Amino acid sequence: MPIDAMERLSDEVAAGHIQKYFEVQSNGRPLYTGSRFENFAGGGDFVEPNRITAADLIAVSMLSVHVPGQAALGIMEELDGKIEALLTPLAVELRLENLTAEQFSELLDYGSPADGIWQLLRQKKATWGIGQTTASKILARKRPHLVPIYDSVVKDQVGLRDSGGQWVRWWEAFQGDKGRQFAMRLESIREASGQSHLSLLRVIDIVLWMDGHGAAKVRETVDDGKWKTS
């Protein structure tokens, strides 16, 4: 569970991981390109929030995944209307940590709008190179407060076998008194890091990614569960 993984780290260490992630090099470029993921070109949940745009696909490349040309064309042209219809009920104001069980079932469970977008992005019957990592990052770009990022580093940190059931695991982490305390802790870490724009989900993602791999290796090279040198 995310709570268990985060409990291994002090608040000071967690905030330090985020601060490191947002460092800027002497040439003015980000130390980690993923630090621009949320805000690039105005942000995926602010600029055309119900459509996946070229800027969104560029933004996910900052998390070191590649969207093949066939997939990019299909997402922005062929599937544009379907994706818009499914993103619309996922209001940008929604927060995973605040969803009721009924809301989770309606919006994020199997057969929900979020699941529908996931299936469209994956195109399992006619694959076009969008794996579970890339799909999660596209969704997280559009709804950063609602959909968590999935990658091999965080998967191992949390103990997930694959992306199946990840959304419910993350939602369950915010339930009950312990879940509320967890959310408050993440808010405190976010405040200490100085990155108030981050969603609580992204706080978890950055901290666990940096702790699991990133702090020791500046080049972000994860691509659907496979590490590559660059």
Foldseek 3Di string as FASTA:
>chain_A
DLVVLCVVDDLVLLLVLLLQQQDADPVRHGLQLLVCLQQFPHFCQPPPLLAQDPSNQVSVCSLVAHQDPVLRCCRRPVCGVVSSVLRVVVRLPDALLPDDPVRCCQDPDPPHSLNVQLCVSQVVVDGDQQAQQNSQSSVCRSRVRQGAGDEQQVCVSVVHPGCPPVNVVVSVCLDDPNNVVVLVSLCVSCVSNVNNVHHSRVSSVSSSNCVRPCVVPSDNHTYNHDRDDD
